[in-house]
All heavy atoms as atom14 arrays in JSON, in Angstrom:
{
  "sequence": "SINLHSAIGHDVSVDSFSTISSFVDLTGKINVGKRVMIG",
  "atom14_mask": [
    [1, 1, 1, 1, 1, 1, 0, 0, 0, 0, 0, 0, 0, 0],
    [1, 1, 1, 1, 1, 1, 1, 1, 0, 0, 0, 0, 0, 0],
    [1, 1, 1, 1, 1, 1, 1, 1, 0, 0, 0, 0, 0, 0],
    [1, 1, 1, 1, 1, 1, 1, 1, 0, 0, 0, 0, 0, 0],
    [1, 1, 1, 1, 1, 1, 1, 1, 1, 1, 0, 0, 0, 0],
    [1, 1, 1, 1, 1, 1, 0, 0, 0, 0, 0, 0, 0, 0],
    [1, 1, 1, 1, 1, 0, 0, 0, 0, 0, 0, 0, 0, 0],
    [1, 1, 1, 1, 1, 1, 1, 1, 0, 0, 0, 0, 0, 0],
    [1, 1, 1, 1, 0, 0, 0, 0, 0, 0, 0, 0, 0, 0],
    [1, 1, 1, 1, 1, 1, 1, 1, 1, 1, 0, 0, 0, 0],
    [1, 1, 1, 1, 1, 1, 1, 1, 0, 0, 0, 0, 0, 0],
    [1, 1, 1, 1, 1, 1, 1, 0, 0, 0, 0, 0, 0, 0],
    [1, 1, 1, 1, 1, 1, 0, 0, 0, 0, 0, 0, 0, 0],
    [1, 1, 1, 1, 1, 1, 1, 0, 0, 0, 0, 0, 0, 0],
    [1, 1, 1, 1, 1, 1, 1, 1, 0, 0, 0, 0, 0, 0],
    [1, 1, 1, 1, 1, 1, 0, 0, 0, 0, 0, 0, 0, 0],
    [1, 1, 1, 1, 1, 1, 1, 1, 1, 1, 1, 0, 0, 0],
    [1, 1, 1, 1, 1, 1, 0, 0, 0, 0, 0, 0, 0, 0],
    [1, 1, 1, 1, 1, 1, 1, 0, 0, 0, 0, 0, 0, 0],
    [1, 1, 1, 1, 1, 1, 1, 1, 0, 0, 0, 0, 0, 0],
    [1, 1, 1, 1, 1, 1, 0, 0, 0, 0, 0, 0, 0, 0],
    [1, 1, 1, 1, 1, 1, 0, 0, 0, 0, 0, 0, 0, 0],
    [1, 1, 1, 1, 1, 1, 1, 1, 1, 1, 1, 0, 0, 0],
    [1, 1, 1, 1, 1, 1, 1, 0, 0, 0, 0, 0, 0, 0],
    [1, 1, 1, 1, 1, 1, 1, 1, 0, 0, 0, 0, 0, 0],
    [1, 1, 1, 1, 1, 1, 1, 1, 0, 0, 0, 0, 0, 0],
    [1, 1, 1, 1, 1, 1, 1, 0, 0, 0, 0, 0, 0, 0],
    [1, 1, 1, 1, 0, 0, 0, 0, 0, 0, 0, 0, 0, 0],
    [1, 1, 1, 1, 1, 1, 1, 1, 1, 0, 0, 0, 0, 0],
    [1, 1, 1, 1, 1, 1, 1, 1, 0, 0, 0, 0, 0, 0],
    [1, 1, 1, 1, 1, 1, 1, 1, 0, 0, 0, 0, 0, 0],
    [1, 1, 1, 1, 1, 1, 1, 0, 0, 0, 0, 0, 0, 0],
    [1, 1, 1, 1, 0, 0, 0, 0, 0, 0, 0, 0, 0, 0],
    [1, 1, 1, 1, 1, 1, 1, 1, 1, 0, 0, 0, 0, 0],
    [1, 1, 1, 1, 1, 1, 1, 1, 1, 1, 1, 0, 0, 0],
    [1, 1, 1, 1, 1, 1, 1, 0, 0, 0, 0, 0, 0, 0],
    [1, 1, 1, 1, 1, 1, 1, 1, 0, 0, 0, 0, 0, 0],
    [1, 1, 1, 1, 1, 1, 1, 1, 0, 0, 0, 0, 0, 0],
    [1, 1, 1, 1, 0, 0, 0, 0, 0, 0, 0, 0, 0, 0]
  ],
  "atom14_positions": [
    [[-3.97, 6.05, 3.48], [-4.08, 5.48, 4.94], [-3.35, 4.26, 5.0], [-3.54, 3.37, 4.11], [-5.5, 5.31, 5.32], [-6.23, 6.45, 5.04], [0.0, 0.0, 0.0], [0.0, 0.0, 0.0], [0.0, 0.0, 0.0], [0.0, 0.0, 0.0], [0.0, 0.0, 0.0], [0.0, 0.0, 0.0], [0.0, 0.0, 0.0], [0.0, 0.0, 0.0]],
    [[-2.45, 4.1, 6.03], [-1.66, 2.93, 6.14], [-1.85, 2.44, 7.7], [-1.4, 3.21, 8.56], [-0.17, 3.11, 5.78], [0.06, 3.51, 4.54], [0.66, 1.84, 6.03], [1.48, 3.89, 3.99], [0.0, 0.0, 0.0], [0.0, 0.0, 0.0], [0.0, 0.0, 0.0], [0.0, 0.0, 0.0], [0.0, 0.0, 0.0], [0.0, 0.0, 0.0]],
    [[-2.34, 1.34, 7.84], [-2.69, 0.91, 9.25], [-1.45, 0.17, 9.78], [-0.44, 0.07, 9.13], [-3.94, 0.04, 9.18], [-4.8, 0.26, 10.49], [-4.29, 0.11, 11.59], [-6.1, 0.4, 10.2], [0.0, 0.0, 0.0], [0.0, 0.0, 0.0], [0.0, 0.0, 0.0], [0.0, 0.0, 0.0], [0.0, 0.0, 0.0], [0.0, 0.0, 0.0]],
    [[-1.69, -0.45, 10.98], [-0.61, -1.05, 11.71], [0.2, -2.02, 11.03], [-0.29, -2.85, 10.35], [-1.17, -1.66, 13.06], [-1.89, -0.73, 14.12], [-2.78, -1.54, 14.94], [-0.89, 0.23, 14.83], [0.0, 0.0, 0.0], [0.0, 0.0, 0.0], [0.0, 0.0, 0.0], [0.0, 0.0, 0.0], [0.0, 0.0, 0.0], [0.0, 0.0, 0.0]],
    [[1.6, -1.99, 11.23], [2.42, -3.13, 10.85], [2.54, -3.46, 9.34], [2.64, -4.53, 9.08], [2.21, -4.32, 11.63], [2.47, -4.29, 13.13], [3.79, -4.4, 13.66], [1.72, -4.06, 14.18], [3.73, -4.28, 14.91], [2.37, -4.01, 15.27], [0.0, 0.0, 0.0], [0.0, 0.0, 0.0], [0.0, 0.0, 0.0], [0.0, 0.0, 0.0]],
    [[2.17, -2.39, 8.61], [2.21, -2.69, 7.06], [3.51, -2.22, 6.47], [4.12, -1.27, 6.98], [0.96, -1.99, 6.47], [-0.22, -2.76, 6.66], [0.0, 0.0, 0.0], [0.0, 0.0, 0.0], [0.0, 0.0, 0.0], [0.0, 0.0, 0.0], [0.0, 0.0, 0.0], [0.0, 0.0, 0.0], [0.0, 0.0, 0.0], [0.0, 0.0, 0.0]],
    [[3.93, -2.81, 5.44], [5.26, -2.59, 4.85], [5.0, -2.19, 3.47], [4.42, -2.86, 2.58], [6.17, -3.8, 4.81], [0.0, 0.0, 0.0], [0.0, 0.0, 0.0], [0.0, 0.0, 0.0], [0.0, 0.0, 0.0], [0.0, 0.0, 0.0], [0.0, 0.0, 0.0], [0.0, 0.0, 0.0], [0.0, 0.0, 0.0], [0.0, 0.0, 0.0]],
    [[5.56, -0.91, 3.13], [5.66, -0.45, 1.75], [7.12, -0.67, 1.22], [7.99, 0.07, 1.73], [5.29, 1.06, 1.67], [3.98, 1.31, 2.41], [5.14, 1.55, 0.34], [2.78, 0.52, 1.89], [0.0, 0.0, 0.0], [0.0, 0.0, 0.0], [0.0, 0.0, 0.0], [0.0, 0.0, 0.0], [0.0, 0.0, 0.0], [0.0, 0.0, 0.0]],
    [[7.46, -1.43, 0.35], [8.6, -1.86, -0.02], [9.29, -0.8, -1.05], [8.72, 0.22, -1.3], [0.0, 0.0, 0.0], [0.0, 0.0, 0.0], [0.0, 0.0, 0.0], [0.0, 0.0, 0.0], [0.0, 0.0, 0.0], [0.0, 0.0, 0.0], [0.0, 0.0, 0.0], [0.0, 0.0, 0.0], [0.0, 0.0, 0.0], [0.0, 0.0, 0.0]],
    [[10.55, -1.09, -1.39], [11.27, -0.27, -2.14], [10.75, 0.04, -3.54], [10.16, -0.9, -4.15], [12.82, -0.69, -2.28], [12.94, -2.04, -3.18], [13.03, -1.89, -4.58], [12.87, -3.23, -2.93], [13.11, -3.08, -5.0], [13.07, -4.03, -4.05], [0.0, 0.0, 0.0], [0.0, 0.0, 0.0], [0.0, 0.0, 0.0], [0.0, 0.0, 0.0]],
    [[10.81, 1.26, -3.91], [10.3, 1.74, -5.27], [8.85, 1.39, -5.47], [8.41, 1.16, -6.66], [11.08, 1.0, -6.42], [12.54, 1.32, -6.36], [12.9, 2.53, -6.58], [13.37, 0.45, -5.93], [0.0, 0.0, 0.0], [0.0, 0.0, 0.0], [0.0, 0.0, 0.0], [0.0, 0.0, 0.0], [0.0, 0.0, 0.0], [0.0, 0.0, 0.0]],
    [[8.08, 1.25, -4.42], [6.59, 1.08, -4.6], [5.96, 2.46, -4.66], [6.37, 3.42, -4.03], [6.03, 0.42, -3.34], [4.48, 0.38, -3.26], [6.43, -1.11, -3.27], [0.0, 0.0, 0.0], [0.0, 0.0, 0.0], [0.0, 0.0, 0.0], [0.0, 0.0, 0.0], [0.0, 0.0, 0.0], [0.0, 0.0, 0.0], [0.0, 0.0, 0.0]],
    [[4.9, 2.6, -5.63], [4.15, 3.78, -5.76], [2.67, 3.45, -5.43], [2.02, 2.52, -5.91], [4.13, 4.24, -7.21], [3.41, 5.41, -7.35], [0.0, 0.0, 0.0], [0.0, 0.0, 0.0], [0.0, 0.0, 0.0], [0.0, 0.0, 0.0], [0.0, 0.0, 0.0], [0.0, 0.0, 0.0], [0.0, 0.0, 0.0], [0.0, 0.0, 0.0]],
    [[2.12, 4.27, -4.53], [0.74, 4.22, -4.02], [0.07, 5.49, -4.41], [0.42, 6.53, -3.93], [0.63, 3.92, -2.56], [-0.9, 3.69, -2.3], [1.33, 2.68, -2.2], [0.0, 0.0, 0.0], [0.0, 0.0, 0.0], [0.0, 0.0, 0.0], [0.0, 0.0, 0.0], [0.0, 0.0, 0.0], [0.0, 0.0, 0.0], [0.0, 0.0, 0.0]],
    [[-0.98, 5.45, -5.2], [-1.68, 6.64, -5.72], [-2.74, 7.1, -4.7], [-3.14, 6.37, -3.78], [-2.34, 6.4, -7.11], [-2.25, 7.65, -7.92], [-2.21, 8.68, -7.34], [-2.37, 7.48, -9.24], [0.0, 0.0, 0.0], [0.0, 0.0, 0.0], [0.0, 0.0, 0.0], [0.0, 0.0, 0.0], [0.0, 0.0, 0.0], [0.0, 0.0, 0.0]],
    [[-3.29, 8.24, -4.93], [-4.03, 9.02, -3.98], [-5.36, 8.22, -3.57], [-5.99, 7.45, -4.4], [-4.42, 10.36, -4.55], [-3.24, 11.1, -4.78], [0.0, 0.0, 0.0], [0.0, 0.0, 0.0], [0.0, 0.0, 0.0], [0.0, 0.0, 0.0], [0.0, 0.0, 0.0], [0.0, 0.0, 0.0], [0.0, 0.0, 0.0], [0.0, 0.0, 0.0]],
    [[-5.68, 8.37, -2.34], [-7.0, 7.94, -1.71], [-7.05, 6.37, -1.42], [-8.17, 5.97, -1.11], [-8.22, 8.37, -2.62], [-8.3, 9.8, -2.96], [-8.02, 10.32, -4.15], [-8.41, 10.86, -1.92], [-8.05, 11.66, -4.48], [-8.49, 12.1, -2.13], [-8.29, 12.59, -3.48], [0.0, 0.0, 0.0], [0.0, 0.0, 0.0], [0.0, 0.0, 0.0]],
    [[-5.92, 5.75, -1.61], [-5.95, 4.35, -1.37], [-5.77, 4.11, 0.12], [-5.25, 4.9, 0.97], [-4.81, 3.72, -2.18], [-5.03, 3.68, -3.46], [0.0, 0.0, 0.0], [0.0, 0.0, 0.0], [0.0, 0.0, 0.0], [0.0, 0.0, 0.0], [0.0, 0.0, 0.0], [0.0, 0.0, 0.0], [0.0, 0.0, 0.0], [0.0, 0.0, 0.0]],
    [[-6.27, 2.88, 0.57], [-6.21, 2.49, 2.07], [-5.54, 1.13, 2.08], [-5.92, 0.13, 1.29], [-7.58, 2.5, 2.57], [-8.15, 3.78, 2.64], [-7.61, 1.89, 3.98], [0.0, 0.0, 0.0], [0.0, 0.0, 0.0], [0.0, 0.0, 0.0], [0.0, 0.0, 0.0], [0.0, 0.0, 0.0], [0.0, 0.0, 0.0], [0.0, 0.0, 0.0]],
    [[-4.61, 1.15, 2.98], [-3.8, -0.18, 3.21], [-4.02, -0.49, 4.74], [-3.7, 0.14, 5.56], [-2.36, 0.06, 2.97], [-2.15, 0.45, 1.53], [-1.55, -1.15, 3.3], [-0.76, 1.0, 1.17], [0.0, 0.0, 0.0], [0.0, 0.0, 0.0], [0.0, 0.0, 0.0], [0.0, 0.0, 0.0], [0.0, 0.0, 0.0], [0.0, 0.0, 0.0]],
    [[-4.79, -1.74, 4.83], [-5.04, -2.22, 6.16], [-3.8, -2.72, 6.89], [-2.8, -2.65, 6.35], [-6.15, -3.22, 6.04], [-7.32, -2.66, 5.41], [0.0, 0.0, 0.0], [0.0, 0.0, 0.0], [0.0, 0.0, 0.0], [0.0, 0.0, 0.0], [0.0, 0.0, 0.0], [0.0, 0.0, 0.0], [0.0, 0.0, 0.0], [0.0, 0.0, 0.0]],
    [[-4.02, -3.27, 8.11], [-2.94, -3.82, 8.94], [-2.15, -4.99, 8.25], [-2.86, -5.84, 7.61], [-3.62, -4.15, 10.3], [-4.04, -3.16, 10.93], [0.0, 0.0, 0.0], [0.0, 0.0, 0.0], [0.0, 0.0, 0.0], [0.0, 0.0, 0.0], [0.0, 0.0, 0.0], [0.0, 0.0, 0.0], [0.0, 0.0, 0.0], [0.0, 0.0, 0.0]],
    [[-1.06, -5.2, 8.48], [-0.16, -6.35, 8.22], [-0.22, -6.55, 6.74], [-0.11, -7.85, 6.26], [-0.65, -7.64, 9.06], [-0.49, -7.4, 10.49], [-1.57, -7.01, 11.28], [0.7, -7.62, 11.04], [-1.39, -6.89, 12.59], [0.9, -7.47, 12.43], [-0.15, -7.08, 13.18], [0.0, 0.0, 0.0], [0.0, 0.0, 0.0], [0.0, 0.0, 0.0]],
    [[-0.24, -5.57, 5.91], [-0.11, -5.71, 4.49], [1.44, -5.6, 4.07], [2.12, -4.89, 4.54], [-0.88, -4.64, 3.71], [-0.53, -4.62, 2.17], [-2.41, -4.91, 3.98], [0.0, 0.0, 0.0], [0.0, 0.0, 0.0], [0.0, 0.0, 0.0], [0.0, 0.0, 0.0], [0.0, 0.0, 0.0], [0.0, 0.0, 0.0], [0.0, 0.0, 0.0]],
    [[1.76, -6.55, 3.03], [3.23, -6.43, 2.62], [3.16, -6.29, 1.12], [2.85, -7.02, 0.31], [3.83, -7.84, 2.89], [5.24, -7.86, 2.5], [5.8, -6.86, 2.31], [5.84, -8.99, 2.45], [0.0, 0.0, 0.0], [0.0, 0.0, 0.0], [0.0, 0.0, 0.0], [0.0, 0.0, 0.0], [0.0, 0.0, 0.0], [0.0, 0.0, 0.0]],
    [[3.57, -4.94, 0.8], [3.82, -4.61, -0.63], [5.27, -4.63, -0.86], [6.05, -3.71, -0.52], [3.22, -3.16, -0.84], [1.73, -2.95, -0.78], [1.41, -1.48, -0.67], [1.07, -3.56, -1.98], [0.0, 0.0, 0.0], [0.0, 0.0, 0.0], [0.0, 0.0, 0.0], [0.0, 0.0, 0.0], [0.0, 0.0, 0.0], [0.0, 0.0, 0.0]],
    [[5.62, -5.68, -1.57], [7.11, -5.76, -1.9], [7.52, -4.94, -3.04], [6.86, -4.02, -3.4], [7.42, -7.24, -2.2], [6.56, -7.73, -3.27], [7.18, -8.09, -1.1], [0.0, 0.0, 0.0], [0.0, 0.0, 0.0], [0.0, 0.0, 0.0], [0.0, 0.0, 0.0], [0.0, 0.0, 0.0], [0.0, 0.0, 0.0], [0.0, 0.0, 0.0]],
    [[8.73, -5.0, -3.46], [9.4, -3.97, -4.31], [8.63, -3.75, -5.65], [8.17, -4.77, -6.23], [0.0, 0.0, 0.0], [0.0, 0.0, 0.0], [0.0, 0.0, 0.0], [0.0, 0.0, 0.0], [0.0, 0.0, 0.0], [0.0, 0.0, 0.0], [0.0, 0.0, 0.0], [0.0, 0.0, 0.0], [0.0, 0.0, 0.0], [0.0, 0.0, 0.0]],
    [[8.81, -2.46, -6.1], [8.33, -2.0, -7.45], [6.84, -2.29, -7.84], [6.56, -2.49, -9.0], [9.33, -2.69, -8.37], [10.76, -2.27, -8.31], [11.64, -2.8, -9.46], [13.11, -2.38, -9.21], [14.02, -2.95, -10.22], [0.0, 0.0, 0.0], [0.0, 0.0, 0.0], [0.0, 0.0, 0.0], [0.0, 0.0, 0.0], [0.0, 0.0, 0.0]],
    [[6.05, -2.25, -6.8], [4.56, -2.43, -7.02], [4.03, -1.04, -7.32], [4.45, -0.08, -6.78], [3.89, -3.11, -5.73], [4.41, -4.61, -5.74], [2.43, -2.96, -5.86], [4.06, -5.24, -4.44], [0.0, 0.0, 0.0], [0.0, 0.0, 0.0], [0.0, 0.0, 0.0], [0.0, 0.0, 0.0], [0.0, 0.0, 0.0], [0.0, 0.0, 0.0]],
    [[2.87, -1.06, -8.17], [2.22, 0.21, -8.46], [0.8, 0.0, -8.16], [0.02, -0.91, -8.71], [2.4, 0.42, -10.02], [1.83, 1.85, -10.32], [0.69, 2.13, -10.09], [2.75, 2.78, -10.92], [0.0, 0.0, 0.0], [0.0, 0.0, 0.0], [0.0, 0.0, 0.0], [0.0, 0.0, 0.0], [0.0, 0.0, 0.0], [0.0, 0.0, 0.0]],
    [[0.32, 0.82, -7.19], [-1.03, 0.77, -6.75], [-1.85, 1.98, -7.16], [-1.34, 3.15, -6.98], [-1.14, 0.65, -5.13], [-2.6, 0.78, -4.66], [-0.34, -0.57, -4.56], [0.0, 0.0, 0.0], [0.0, 0.0, 0.0], [0.0, 0.0, 0.0], [0.0, 0.0, 0.0], [0.0, 0.0, 0.0], [0.0, 0.0, 0.0], [0.0, 0.0, 0.0]],
    [[-2.84, 1.79, -7.84], [-3.63, 2.86, -8.42], [-4.46, 3.67, -7.45], [-4.43, 3.46, -6.16], [0.0, 0.0, 0.0], [0.0, 0.0, 0.0], [0.0, 0.0, 0.0], [0.0, 0.0, 0.0], [0.0, 0.0, 0.0], [0.0, 0.0, 0.0], [0.0, 0.0, 0.0], [0.0, 0.0, 0.0], [0.0, 0.0, 0.0], [0.0, 0.0, 0.0]],
    [[-5.3, 4.65, -7.9], [-6.05, 5.47, -7.11], [-7.23, 4.64, -6.47], [-7.74, 3.75, -7.07], [-6.6, 6.77, -7.85], [-5.61, 7.72, -8.21], [-6.27, 8.86, -8.97], [-5.3, 10.08, -9.26], [-5.97, 11.22, -10.03], [0.0, 0.0, 0.0], [0.0, 0.0, 0.0], [0.0, 0.0, 0.0], [0.0, 0.0, 0.0], [0.0, 0.0, 0.0]],
    [[-7.58, 5.01, -5.22], [-8.83, 4.67, -4.6], [-8.85, 3.07, -4.51], [-9.92, 2.47, -4.63], [-10.04, 5.14, -5.28], [-10.18, 6.62, -5.37], [-11.45, 7.06, -6.18], [-11.34, 6.58, -7.58], [-10.69, 7.26, -8.53], [-10.11, 8.36, -8.25], [-10.69, 6.74, -9.71], [0.0, 0.0, 0.0], [0.0, 0.0, 0.0], [0.0, 0.0, 0.0]],
    [[-7.65, 2.47, -4.13], [-7.71, 1.03, -3.97], [-7.88, 0.66, -2.47], [-7.25, 1.46, -1.64], [-6.29, 0.44, -4.51], [-6.17, -0.96, -4.18], [-6.19, 0.68, -6.0], [0.0, 0.0, 0.0], [0.0, 0.0, 0.0], [0.0, 0.0, 0.0], [0.0, 0.0, 0.0], [0.0, 0.0, 0.0], [0.0, 0.0, 0.0], [0.0, 0.0, 0.0]],
    [[-8.49, -0.29, -2.18], [-8.74, -0.77, -0.78], [-8.05, -2.12, -0.67], [-8.38, -3.09, -1.34], [-10.31, -0.99, -0.5], [-10.49, -1.33, 0.95], [-10.22, 0.13, 2.09], [-10.51, -0.68, 3.68], [0.0, 0.0, 0.0], [0.0, 0.0, 0.0], [0.0, 0.0, 0.0], [0.0, 0.0, 0.0], [0.0, 0.0, 0.0], [0.0, 0.0, 0.0]],
    [[-7.1, -2.25, 0.22], [-6.39, -3.5, 0.46], [-6.71, -4.0, 1.86], [-6.36, -3.27, 2.89], [-4.71, -3.13, 0.35], [-4.53, -2.64, -1.12], [-4.07, -4.48, 0.54], [-3.07, -2.37, -1.39], [0.0, 0.0, 0.0], [0.0, 0.0, 0.0], [0.0, 0.0, 0.0], [0.0, 0.0, 0.0], [0.0, 0.0, 0.0], [0.0, 0.0, 0.0]],
    [[-7.24, -5.21, 1.96], [-7.52, -5.78, 3.26], [-6.27, -6.28, 4.03], [-5.26, -6.52, 3.56], [0.0, 0.0, 0.0], [0.0, 0.0, 0.0], [0.0, 0.0, 0.0], [0.0, 0.0, 0.0], [0.0, 0.0, 0.0], [0.0, 0.0, 0.0], [0.0, 0.0, 0.0], [0.0, 0.0, 0.0], [0.0, 0.0, 0.0], [0.0, 0.0, 0.0]]
  ]
}
């Protein structure tokens, strides 16, 4: 789930069941594991 105005940068991997709240900035080459909650 990706909420309003969030940015998933180049070469970023987000694993299953994770939630990304509004106005989040994931810059390049980040790896997010399963079931992560990002405020």
